[in-house]
PDB file of N, CA and C in Angstrom:
ATOM      1  N   MET A   1      27.509 -40.286 -41.908  1.00  0.00           N
ATOM      2  CA  MET A   1      28.696 -40.082 -41.101  1.00  0.00           C
ATOM      3  C   MET A   1      28.336 -40.288 -39.622  1.00  0.00           C
ATOM      4  N   LYS A   2      29.151 -41.029 -38.943  1.00  0.00           N
ATOM      5  CA  LYS A   2      28.910 -41.346 -37.537  1.00  0.00           C
ATOM      6  C   LYS A   2      29.169 -40.128 -36.653  1.00  0.00           C
ATOM      7  N   GLN A   3      28.343 -39.990 -35.621  1.00  0.00           N
ATOM      8  CA  GLN A   3      28.508 -38.906 -34.651  1.00  0.00           C
ATOM      9  C   GLN A   3      28.816 -39.502 -33.288  1.00  0.00           C
ATOM     10  N   TYR A   4      29.552 -38.741 -32.510  1.00  0.00           N
ATOM     11  CA  TYR A   4      29.898 -39.122 -31.145  1.00  0.00           C
ATOM     12  C   TYR A   4      29.468 -37.984 -30.245  1.00  0.00           C
ATOM     13  N   TYR A   5      29.054 -38.335 -29.049  1.00  0.00           N
ATOM     14  CA  TYR A   5      28.514 -37.339 -28.138  1.00  0.00           C
ATOM     15  C   TYR A   5      29.225 -37.409 -26.793  1.00  0.00           C
ATOM     16  N   VAL A   6      29.595 -36.255 -26.295  1.00  0.00           N
ATOM     17  CA  VAL A   6      30.045 -36.107 -24.917  1.00  0.00           C
ATOM     18  C   VAL A   6      28.858 -35.488 -24.199  1.00  0.00           C
ATOM     19  N   TYR A   7      28.474 -36.084 -23.093  1.00  0.00           N
ATOM     20  CA  TYR A   7      27.253 -35.648 -22.431  1.00  0.00           C
ATOM     21  C   TYR A   7      27.436 -35.567 -20.923  1.00  0.00           C
ATOM     22  N   ILE A   8      26.579 -34.757 -20.315  1.00  0.00           N
ATOM     23  CA  ILE A   8      26.568 -34.634 -18.858  1.00  0.00           C
ATOM     24  C   ILE A   8      25.169 -34.959 -18.375  1.00  0.00           C
ATOM     25  N   MET A   9      25.106 -35.884 -17.429  1.00  0.00           N
ATOM     26  CA  MET A   9      23.866 -36.251 -16.755  1.00  0.00           C
ATOM     27  C   MET A   9      23.930 -35.675 -15.339  1.00  0.00           C
ATOM     28  N   ALA A  10      22.765 -35.382 -14.773  1.00  0.00           N
ATOM     29  CA  ALA A  10      22.703 -34.851 -13.408  1.00  0.00           C
ATOM     30  C   ALA A  10      21.571 -35.526 -12.646  1.00  0.00           C
ATOM     31  N   SER A  11      21.712 -35.570 -11.346  1.00  0.00           N
ATOM     32  CA  SER A  11      20.645 -36.114 -10.495  1.00  0.00           C
ATOM     33  C   SER A  11      19.535 -35.081 -10.313  1.00  0.00           C
ATOM     34  N   GLN A  12      19.926 -33.815 -10.311  1.00  0.00           N
ATOM     35  CA  GLN A  12      19.007 -32.680 -10.155  1.00  0.00           C
ATOM     36  C   GLN A  12      19.806 -31.412 -10.399  1.00  0.00           C
ATOM     37  N   CYS A  13      19.181 -30.282 -10.329  1.00  0.00           N
ATOM     38  CA  CYS A  13      19.881 -29.012 -10.485  1.00  0.00           C
ATOM     39  C   CYS A  13      20.990 -28.912  -9.445  1.00  0.00           C
ATOM     40  N   ASN A  14      22.213 -28.674  -9.889  1.00  0.00           N
ATOM     41  CA  ASN A  14      23.385 -28.594  -9.005  1.00  0.00           C
ATOM     42  C   ASN A  14      23.654 -29.881  -8.236  1.00  0.00           C
ATOM     43  N   GLY A  15      23.137 -30.996  -8.719  1.00  0.00           N
ATOM     44  CA  GLY A  15      23.314 -32.273  -8.041  1.00  0.00           C
ATOM     45  C   GLY A  15      24.552 -33.018  -8.511  1.00  0.00           C
ATOM     46  N   THR A  16      24.513 -34.318  -8.321  1.00  0.00           N
ATOM     47  CA  THR A  16      25.602 -35.193  -8.737  1.00  0.00           C
ATOM     48  C   THR A  16      25.689 -35.197 -10.259  1.00  0.00           C
ATOM     49  N   LEU A  17      26.906 -35.139 -10.789  1.00  0.00           N
ATOM     50  CA  LEU A  17      27.123 -35.095 -12.226  1.00  0.00           C
ATOM     51  C   LEU A  17      27.837 -36.349 -12.715  1.00  0.00           C
ATOM     52  N   TYR A  18      27.544 -36.720 -13.960  1.00  0.00           N
ATOM     53  CA  TYR A  18      28.223 -37.820 -14.633  1.00  0.00           C
ATOM     54  C   TYR A  18      28.549 -37.357 -16.046  1.00  0.00           C
ATOM     55  N   ILE A  19      29.783 -37.561 -16.470  1.00  0.00           N
ATOM     56  CA  ILE A  19      30.202 -37.203 -17.823  1.00  0.00           C
ATOM     57  C   ILE A  19      30.524 -38.486 -18.568  1.00  0.00           C
ATOM     58  N   GLY A  20      29.977 -38.609 -19.776  1.00  0.00           N
ATOM     59  CA  GLY A  20      30.218 -39.802 -20.570  1.00  0.00           C
ATOM     60  C   GLY A  20      30.373 -39.498 -22.038  1.00  0.00           C
ATOM     61  N   ILE A  21      30.643 -40.548 -22.801  1.00  0.00           N
ATOM     62  CA  ILE A  21      30.777 -40.454 -24.253  1.00  0.00           C
ATOM     63  C   ILE A  21      30.031 -41.634 -24.866  1.00  0.00           C
ATOM     64  N   THR A  22      29.405 -41.392 -26.013  1.00  0.00           N
ATOM     65  CA  THR A  22      28.643 -42.444 -26.680  1.00  0.00           C
ATOM     66  C   THR A  22      28.503 -42.117 -28.163  1.00  0.00           C
ATOM     67  N   SER A  23      28.195 -43.134 -28.947  1.00  0.00           N
ATOM     68  CA  SER A  23      27.874 -42.902 -30.361  1.00  0.00           C
ATOM     69  C   SER A  23      26.369 -42.979 -30.588  1.00  0.00           C
ATOM     70  N   ASP A  24      25.623 -43.308 -29.537  1.00  0.00           N
ATOM     71  CA  ASP A  24      24.156 -43.381 -29.630  1.00  0.00           C
ATOM     72  C   ASP A  24      23.566 -42.707 -28.390  1.00  0.00           C
ATOM     73  N   LEU A  25      23.405 -41.392 -28.471  1.00  0.00           N
ATOM     74  CA  LEU A  25      22.982 -40.615 -27.304  1.00  0.00           C
ATOM     75  C   LEU A  25      21.600 -41.018 -26.802  1.00  0.00           C
ATOM     76  N   ILE A  26      20.664 -41.209 -27.700  1.00  0.00           N
ATOM     77  CA  ILE A  26      19.306 -41.571 -27.280  1.00  0.00           C
ATOM     78  C   ILE A  26      19.313 -42.885 -26.500  1.00  0.00           C
ATOM     79  N   LYS A  27      19.972 -43.889 -27.051  1.00  0.00           N
ATOM     80  CA  LYS A  27      20.027 -45.198 -26.392  1.00  0.00           C
ATOM     81  C   LYS A  27      20.731 -45.105 -25.042  1.00  0.00           C
ATOM     82  N   ARG A  28      21.858 -44.384 -25.002  1.00  0.00           N
ATOM     83  CA  ARG A  28      22.640 -44.314 -23.765  1.00  0.00           C
ATOM     84  C   ARG A  28      21.876 -43.587 -22.662  1.00  0.00           C
ATOM     85  N   VAL A  29      21.217 -42.490 -23.000  1.00  0.00           N
ATOM     86  CA  VAL A  29      20.441 -41.765 -21.986  1.00  0.00           C
ATOM     87  C   VAL A  29      19.273 -42.632 -21.526  1.00  0.00           C
ATOM     88  N   TRP A  30      18.640 -43.336 -22.456  1.00  0.00           N
ATOM     89  CA  TRP A  30      17.558 -44.252 -22.078  1.00  0.00           C
ATOM     90  C   TRP A  30      18.063 -45.285 -21.071  1.00  0.00           C
ATOM     91  N   GLN A  31      19.267 -45.804 -21.294  1.00  0.00           N
ATOM     92  CA  GLN A  31      19.848 -46.775 -20.355  1.00  0.00           C
ATOM     93  C   GLN A  31      20.035 -46.166 -18.973  1.00  0.00           C
ATOM     94  N   HIS A  32      20.517 -44.928 -18.920  1.00  0.00           N
ATOM     95  CA  HIS A  32      20.670 -44.249 -17.631  1.00  0.00           C
ATOM     96  C   HIS A  32      19.303 -44.068 -16.963  1.00  0.00           C
ATOM     97  N   LYS A  33      18.326 -43.598 -17.708  1.00  0.00           N
ATOM     98  CA  LYS A  33      17.000 -43.326 -17.159  1.00  0.00           C
ATOM     99  C   LYS A  33      16.317 -44.590 -16.650  1.00  0.00           C
ATOM    100  N   ASN A  34      16.533 -45.694 -17.335  1.00  0.00           N
ATOM    101  CA  ASN A  34      15.879 -46.949 -16.975  1.00  0.00           C
ATOM    102  C   ASN A  34      16.754 -47.853 -16.117  1.00  0.00           C
ATOM    103  N   LYS A  35      17.878 -47.312 -15.673  1.00  0.00           N
ATOM    104  CA  LYS A  35      18.772 -47.996 -14.738  1.00  0.00           C
ATOM    105  C   LYS A  35      19.141 -49.403 -15.208  1.00  0.00           C
ATOM    106  N   VAL A  36      19.449 -49.491 -16.498  1.00  0.00           N
ATOM    107  CA  VAL A  36      19.802 -50.767 -17.123  1.00  0.00           C
ATOM    108  C   VAL A  36      21.157 -51.264 -16.634  1.00  0.00           C
ATOM    109  N   ILE A  37      22.097 -50.339 -16.451  1.00  0.00           N
ATOM    110  CA  ILE A  37      23.447 -50.700 -16.037  1.00  0.00           C
ATOM    111  C   ILE A  37      23.636 -50.299 -14.578  1.00  0.00           C
ATOM    112  N   LYS A  38      23.977 -51.266 -13.766  1.00  0.00           N
ATOM    113  CA  LYS A  38      24.183 -51.014 -12.336  1.00  0.00           C
ATOM    114  C   LYS A  38      25.572 -50.414 -12.131  1.00  0.00           C
ATOM    115  N   GLY A  39      25.629 -49.123 -11.985  1.00  0.00           N
ATOM    116  CA  GLY A  39      26.906 -48.432 -11.812  1.00  0.00           C
ATOM    117  C   GLY A  39      26.694 -47.108 -11.111  1.00  0.00           C
ATOM    118  N   PHE A  40      27.553 -46.156 -11.408  1.00  0.00           N
ATOM    119  CA  PHE A  40      27.529 -44.849 -10.754  1.00  0.00           C
ATOM    120  C   PHE A  40      26.178 -44.160 -10.908  1.00  0.00           C
ATOM    121  N   THR A  41      25.673 -44.085 -12.143  1.00  0.00           N
ATOM    122  CA  THR A  41      24.420 -43.352 -12.364  1.00  0.00           C
ATOM    123  C   THR A  41      23.241 -44.058 -11.709  1.00  0.00           C
ATOM    124  N   TYR A  42      23.296 -45.360 -11.630  1.00  0.00           N
ATOM    125  CA  TYR A  42      22.251 -46.136 -10.940  1.00  0.00           C
ATOM    126  C   TYR A  42      22.304 -45.838  -9.443  1.00  0.00           C
ATOM    127  N   LYS A  43      23.488 -45.928  -8.881  1.00  0.00           N
ATOM    128  CA  LYS A  43      23.673 -45.742  -7.433  1.00  0.00           C
ATOM    129  C   LYS A  43      23.265 -44.349  -6.965  1.00  0.00           C
ATOM    130  N   TYR A  44      23.607 -43.320  -7.760  1.00  0.00           N
ATOM    131  CA  TYR A  44      23.364 -41.940  -7.345  1.00  0.00           C
ATOM    132  C   TYR A  44      22.158 -41.292  -8.030  1.00  0.00           C
ATOM    133  N   ARG A  45      21.359 -42.111  -8.719  1.00  0.00           N
ATOM    134  CA  ARG A  45      20.125 -41.646  -9.377  1.00  0.00           C
ATOM    135  C   ARG A  45      20.377 -40.469 -10.328  1.00  0.00           C
ATOM    136  N   VAL A  46      21.398 -40.609 -11.136  1.00  0.00           N
ATOM    137  CA  VAL A  46      21.762 -39.585 -12.110  1.00  0.00           C
ATOM    138  C   VAL A  46      21.067 -39.947 -13.426  1.00  0.00           C
ATOM    139  N   ASP A  47      19.969 -39.258 -13.737  1.00  0.00           N
ATOM    140  CA  ASP A  47      19.157 -39.685 -14.884  1.00  0.00           C
ATOM    141  C   ASP A  47      18.603 -38.540 -15.736  1.00  0.00           C
ATOM    142  N   LYS A  48      19.166 -37.339 -15.599  1.00  0.00           N
ATOM    143  CA  LYS A  48      18.698 -36.203 -16.395  1.00  0.00           C
ATOM    144  C   LYS A  48      19.820 -35.731 -17.317  1.00  0.00           C
ATOM    145  N   LEU A  49      19.550 -35.707 -18.604  1.00  0.00           N
ATOM    146  CA  LEU A  49      20.507 -35.190 -19.573  1.00  0.00           C
ATOM    147  C   LEU A  49      20.449 -33.670 -19.524  1.00  0.00           C
ATOM    148  N   VAL A  50      21.547 -33.045 -19.104  1.00  0.00           N
ATOM    149  CA  VAL A  50      21.543 -31.590 -18.962  1.00  0.00           C
ATOM    150  C   VAL A  50      22.480 -30.879 -19.936  1.00  0.00           C
ATOM    151  N   TYR A  51      23.337 -31.646 -20.627  1.00  0.00           N
ATOM    152  CA  TYR A  51      24.280 -31.032 -21.558  1.00  0.00           C
ATOM    153  C   TYR A  51      24.830 -32.095 -22.495  1.00  0.00           C
ATOM    154  N   PHE A  52      25.060 -31.717 -23.752  1.00  0.00           N
ATOM    155  CA  PHE A  52      25.760 -32.617 -24.664  1.00  0.00           C
ATOM    156  C   PHE A  52      26.398 -31.820 -25.796  1.00  0.00           C
ATOM    157  N   GLU A  53      27.428 -32.405 -26.387  1.00  0.00           N
ATOM    158  CA  GLU A  53      28.130 -31.857 -27.540  1.00  0.00           C
ATOM    159  C   GLU A  53      28.285 -32.983 -28.552  1.00  0.00           C
ATOM    160  N   ALA A  54      28.194 -32.660 -29.840  1.00  0.00           N
ATOM    161  CA  ALA A  54      28.351 -33.648 -30.906  1.00  0.00           C
ATOM    162  C   ALA A  54      29.702 -33.467 -31.597  1.00  0.00           C
ATOM    163  N   PHE A  55      30.301 -34.601 -31.977  1.00  0.00           N
ATOM    164  CA  PHE A  55      31.596 -34.617 -32.666  1.00  0.00           C
ATOM    165  C   PHE A  55      31.536 -35.622 -33.808  1.00  0.00           C
ATOM    166  N   GLN A  56      32.262 -35.338 -34.858  1.00  0.00           N
ATOM    167  CA  GLN A  56      32.385 -36.299 -35.950  1.00  0.00           C
ATOM    168  C   GLN A  56      33.655 -37.121 -35.822  1.00  0.00           C
ATOM    169  N   ASP A  57      34.591 -36.642 -35.034  1.00  0.00           N
ATOM    170  CA  ASP A  57      35.874 -37.314 -34.827  1.00  0.00           C
ATOM    171  C   ASP A  57      35.893 -37.911 -33.415  1.00  0.00           C
ATOM    172  N   VAL A  58      35.997 -39.236 -33.333  1.00  0.00           N
ATOM    173  CA  VAL A  58      35.966 -39.897 -32.032  1.00  0.00           C
ATOM    174  C   VAL A  58      37.134 -39.467 -31.151  1.00  0.00           C
ATOM    175  N   ALA A  59      38.299 -39.218 -31.739  1.00  0.00           N
ATOM    176  CA  ALA A  59      39.455 -38.798 -30.945  1.00  0.00           C
ATOM    177  C   ALA A  59      39.204 -37.445 -30.274  1.00  0.00           C
ATOM    178  N   LEU A  60      38.570 -36.533 -30.992  1.00  0.00           N
ATOM    179  CA  LEU A  60      38.236 -35.238 -30.396  1.00  0.00           C
ATOM    180  C   LEU A  60      37.212 -35.393 -29.279  1.00  0.00           C
ATOM    181  N   ALA A  61      36.253 -36.271 -29.477  1.00  0.00           N
ATOM    182  CA  ALA A  61      35.233 -36.503 -28.447  1.00  0.00           C
ATOM    183  C   ALA A  61      35.861 -37.088 -27.187  1.00  0.00           C
ATOM    184  N   ILE A  62      36.744 -38.045 -27.354  1.00  0.00           N
ATOM    185  CA  ILE A  62      37.418 -38.656 -26.198  1.00  0.00           C
ATOM    186  C   ILE A  62      38.260 -37.614 -25.465  1.00  0.00           C
ATOM    187  N   ARG A  63      38.956 -36.796 -26.216  1.00  0.00           N
ATOM    188  CA  ARG A  63      39.775 -35.749 -25.601  1.00  0.00           C
ATOM    189  C   ARG A  63      38.911 -34.770 -24.817  1.00  0.00           C
ATOM    190  N   ARG A  64      37.768 -34.394 -25.395  1.00  0.00           N
ATOM    191  CA  ARG A  64      36.858 -33.462 -24.714  1.00  0.00           C
ATOM    192  C   ARG A  64      36.303 -34.079 -23.434  1.00  0.00           C
ATOM    193  N   GLU A  65      35.906 -35.344 -23.508  1.00  0.00           N
ATOM    194  CA  GLU A  65      35.385 -36.019 -22.310  1.00  0.00           C
ATOM    195  C   GLU A  65      36.431 -36.020 -21.204  1.00  0.00           C
ATOM    196  N   LYS A  66      37.640 -36.386 -21.524  1.00  0.00           N
ATOM    197  CA  LYS A  66      38.701 -36.433 -20.510  1.00  0.00           C
ATOM    198  C   LYS A  66      38.965 -35.053 -19.927  1.00  0.00           C
ATOM    199  N   ARG A  67      38.963 -34.039 -20.795  1.00  0.00           N
ATOM    200  CA  ARG A  67      39.200 -32.672 -20.316  1.00  0.00           C
ATOM    201  C   ARG A  67      38.085 -32.241 -19.358  1.00  0.00           C
ATOM    202  N   LEU A  68      36.826 -32.501 -19.737  1.00  0.00           N
ATOM    203  CA  LEU A  68      35.708 -32.118 -18.863  1.00  0.00           C
ATOM    204  C   LEU A  68      35.781 -32.821 -17.515  1.00  0.00           C
ATOM    205  N   LYS A  69      36.186 -34.074 -17.518  1.00  0.00           N
ATOM    206  CA  LYS A  69      36.289 -34.810 -16.255  1.00  0.00           C
ATOM    207  C   LYS A  69      37.355 -34.220 -15.332  1.00  0.00           C
ATOM    208  N   GLU A  70      38.337 -33.543 -15.919  1.00  0.00           N
ATOM    209  CA  GLU A  70      39.395 -32.913 -15.120  1.00  0.00           C
ATOM    210  C   GLU A  70      38.993 -31.543 -14.591  1.00  0.00           C
ATOM    211  N   TRP A  71      37.960 -30.960 -15.162  1.00  0.00           N
ATOM    212  CA  TRP A  71      37.540 -29.615 -14.770  1.00  0.00           C
ATOM    213  C   TRP A  71      37.080 -29.558 -13.318  1.00  0.00           C
ATOM    214  N   GLN A  72      37.196 -28.367 -12.740  1.00  0.00           N
ATOM    215  CA  GLN A  72      36.614 -28.112 -11.422  1.00  0.00           C
ATOM    216  C   GLN A  72      35.091 -28.152 -11.551  1.00  0.00           C
ATOM    217  N   ARG A  73      34.436 -28.529 -10.476  1.00  0.00           N
ATOM    218  CA  ARG A  73      32.971 -28.629 -10.485  1.00  0.00           C
ATOM    219  C   ARG A  73      32.321 -27.303 -10.922  1.00  0.00           C
ATOM    220  N   GLU A  74      32.830 -26.192 -10.424  1.00  0.00           N
ATOM    221  CA  GLU A  74      32.253 -24.885 -10.759  1.00  0.00           C
ATOM    222  C   GLU A  74      32.274 -24.639 -12.271  1.00  0.00           C
ATOM    223  N   TRP A  75      33.340 -25.040 -12.941  1.00  0.00           N
ATOM    224  CA  TRP A  75      33.435 -24.867 -14.388  1.00  0.00           C
ATOM    225  C   TRP A  75      32.380 -25.713 -15.103  1.00  0.00           C
ATOM    226  N   LYS A  76      32.169 -26.927 -14.604  1.00  0.00           N
ATOM    227  CA  LYS A  76      31.153 -27.807 -15.205  1.00  0.00           C
ATOM    228  C   LYS A  76      29.756 -27.206 -15.036  1.00  0.00           C
ATOM    229  N   LEU A  77      29.479 -26.687 -13.852  1.00  0.00           N
ATOM    230  CA  LEU A  77      28.178 -26.057 -13.607  1.00  0.00           C
ATOM    231  C   LEU A  77      27.974 -24.861 -14.525  1.00  0.00           C
ATOM    232  N   ASN A  78      29.012 -24.056 -14.702  1.00  0.00           N
ATOM    233  CA  ASN A  78      28.918 -22.899 -15.598  1.00  0.00           C
ATOM    234  C   ASN A  78      28.675 -23.335 -17.036  1.00  0.00           C
ATOM    235  N   LEU A  79      29.333 -24.397 -17.469  1.00  0.00           N
ATOM    236  CA  LEU A  79      29.136 -24.908 -18.822  1.00  0.00           C
ATOM    237  C   LEU A  79      27.685 -25.314 -19.042  1.00  0.00           C
ATOM    238  N   ILE A  80      27.123 -26.037 -18.093  1.00  0.00           N
ATOM    239  CA  ILE A  80      25.723 -26.467 -18.181  1.00  0.00           C
ATOM    240  C   ILE A  80      24.806 -25.247 -18.225  1.00  0.00           C
ATOM    241  N   GLU A  81      25.017 -24.309 -17.318  1.00  0.00           N
ATOM    242  CA  GLU A  81      24.118 -23.165 -17.189  1.00  0.00           C
ATOM    243  C   GLU A  81      24.195 -22.193 -18.356  1.00  0.00           C
ATOM    244  N   GLN A  82      25.288 -22.216 -19.124  1.00  0.00           N
ATOM    245  CA  GLN A  82      25.375 -21.360 -20.318  1.00  0.00           C
ATOM    246  C   GLN A  82      24.345 -21.771 -21.359  1.00  0.00           C
ATOM    247  N   SER A  83      24.125 -23.061 -21.531  1.00  0.00           N
ATOM    248  CA  SER A  83      23.184 -23.522 -22.556  1.00  0.00           C
ATOM    249  C   SER A  83      21.877 -24.053 -21.968  1.00  0.00           C
ATOM    250  N   ASN A  84      21.856 -24.338 -20.687  1.00  0.00           N
ATOM    251  CA  ASN A  84      20.669 -24.915 -20.055  1.00  0.00           C
ATOM    252  C   ASN A  84      20.498 -24.324 -18.647  1.00  0.00           C
ATOM    253  N   PRO A  85      20.200 -23.030 -18.550  1.00  0.00           N
ATOM    254  CA  PRO A  85      20.168 -22.362 -17.242  1.00  0.00           C
ATOM    255  C   PRO A  85      19.123 -22.903 -16.273  1.00  0.00           C
ATOM    256  N   ARG A  86      18.070 -23.516 -16.783  1.00  0.00           N
ATOM    257  CA  ARG A  86      17.030 -24.075 -15.892  1.00  0.00           C
ATOM    258  C   ARG A  86      17.254 -25.553 -15.597  1.00  0.00           C
ATOM    259  N   TRP A  87      18.316 -26.114 -16.102  1.00  0.00           N
ATOM    260  CA  TRP A  87      18.664 -27.514 -15.883  1.00  0.00           C
ATOM    261  C   TRP A  87      17.531 -28.456 -16.310  1.00  0.00           C
ATOM    262  N   ILE A  88      16.894 -28.151 -17.429  1.00  0.00           N
ATOM    263  CA  ILE A  88      15.827 -29.035 -17.892  1.00  0.00           C
ATOM    264  C   ILE A  88      16.435 -30.321 -18.458  1.00  0.00           C
ATOM    265  N   ASP A  89      15.685 -31.393 -18.378  1.00  0.00           N
ATOM    266  CA  ASP A  89      16.108 -32.676 -18.936  1.00  0.00           C
ATOM    267  C   ASP A  89      15.971 -32.582 -20.446  1.00  0.00           C
ATOM    268  N   LEU A  90      17.076 -32.690 -21.161  1.00  0.00           N
ATOM    269  CA  LEU A  90      17.089 -32.519 -22.608  1.00  0.00           C
ATOM    270  C   LEU A  90      16.698 -33.787 -23.371  1.00  0.00           C
ATOM    271  N   TYR A  91      16.401 -34.852 -22.667  1.00  0.00           N
ATOM    272  CA  TYR A  91      16.078 -36.122 -23.339  1.00  0.00           C
ATOM    273  C   TYR A  91      14.913 -35.979 -24.288  1.00  0.00           C
ATOM    274  N   SER A  92      13.872 -35.265 -23.867  1.00  0.00           N
ATOM    275  CA  SER A  92      12.706 -35.114 -24.742  1.00  0.00           C
ATOM    276  C   SER A  92      13.041 -34.339 -26.012  1.00  0.00           C
ATOM    277  N   GLU A  93      14.084 -33.536 -25.988  1.00  0.00           N
ATOM    278  CA  GLU A  93      14.497 -32.770 -27.167  1.00  0.00           C
ATOM    279  C   GLU A  93      15.272 -33.614 -28.178  1.00  0.00           C
ATOM    280  N   ILE A  94      15.874 -34.711 -27.723  1.00  0.00           N
ATOM    281  CA  ILE A  94      16.685 -35.511 -28.641  1.00  0.00           C
ATOM    282  C   ILE A  94      15.944 -36.727 -29.199  1.00  0.00           C
ATOM    283  N   ILE A  95      14.811 -37.087 -28.580  1.00  0.00           N
ATOM    284  CA  ILE A  95      14.085 -38.261 -29.092  1.00  0.00           C
ATOM    285  C   ILE A  95      13.129 -37.878 -30.200  1.00  0.00           C
TER     286      ILE A  95
END
């Protein structure tokens, strides 16, 4: 069964945030880390995976991503800190 991931990348603790969705979290985070795609995360050096959620339904994942993007910054920071209070890069945990 296919999985979809809503994820948050950060430049550093309390730094610039990026919220995305993917069906291949390892590959997508690797792309961010290796600056494969010249875009927002490349420009602002956003390369640390600090939060992610898994979904089996793509529609639910898309809805969650859109909702998170609408949230106030403080709410996003609280969400990250609930599961990752030290803002460690979770990439090594998913590979």
